[in-house]
């Protein structure tokens, strides 16, 4: 029996609005309207309540550190003074070492912001969907204009700063149809100096597919192209989070990544009004889009004890019997939603099946090459855990 989940990561929606209008955004453009009734910026009262909950969580469960991800909307919309005040309140009152992270669209970054992030020790990731012809298809401002030129100019300017490289956690790239060649897209990022990246598939589920022409085979082809090009880089290969997670799973290491079987009860989201919920992608799934707790009235342990999430996370029979389960983990819970429950495999099941087959085959070939045991085959690189 696995250990009980413990919340050790909080995503704080310090800003509820965004300065751009991405067409695929699961918060603003996939049917969720809950943000409209929330404050634009998180108040002192809510920030202080978060700090108290973190302190209590650390004391009760012996946590040595706690991860705080500053999110939005666009978190930089709060302004530097408010941003610094939020971090200061959390640091002063949380009673445990905090690891600050932030995800941003990057369009408000400048040297003043970079200096502040450096002083506060806040690492950050940036959303960039590739070259302009890809990025500007979906990542547009509120006038429908592409944002690629502005973002690449900002990144080029800041990349000369040592603090940028110390704090920069990498790129998140959402891929959408028509899909580029995965290897060529990876090459583009490498040529532009990106050493840490992950590719995200469009959010959707069985009741709300990512598009009318959705075909998992297209995304499987994309990921295999990425993997083959990534492998060809050898020791110079960039870091790709999904591939590293899957490879670790193939050799028996359990994933903590929410997209591949990580328990959603170890991470929570605090909205600007103090409501506590799960990952934002759950907003496209009716049972997951309700905030059942509030930071003013509930400890974080209430989230990790949610039986409804535990029931939702029960694996479909097909997943429980799958040889790739240790690596795939059943995929991302919101991608399993049928419109009523989570009883079906992920809409991307065939993607991970094809990619893991390809990865396991290469591992088997390499092990045979160096004479590691007779009869090693792809089917034995992952297996169902013993009952």
Foldseek 3Di string as FASTA:
>chain_A
DDDFAAAQEEEEAQAAAAQFFFCQDLPPHQPDDPSVPFDGGFDPVLLLLVLVLLQVSCVVPVDQEGEYEYEYNARCVVDLVVVLVSLVSNVVRNNHHYAAEYEHQQLPDDVVVLVSCLVSVYAYEHEAAADQVFQLVGTGGPVSGGDRVSRVVRCVVCVVDPSNVVRYPFYEHEADPVGDQQLVRQVRCVVVPTQEYEYHYRADAQVGDSDPPDDLVSLLRNVLRNVVNQVVCPPSRGHYPLVVLLVCLLQPDADCDQQAQRQQLNYWYQYSRFFIFTDSSCCSAVVRNDRPDGSVPDRSVVSSPDVVSVVLLPAAPVLLQDQSCSRRNQGHSSQQHNNPGNNGGGPNVVSVVSNLLVVLQVVQVVCVVVPPDPPDHSSPSGGRDDD
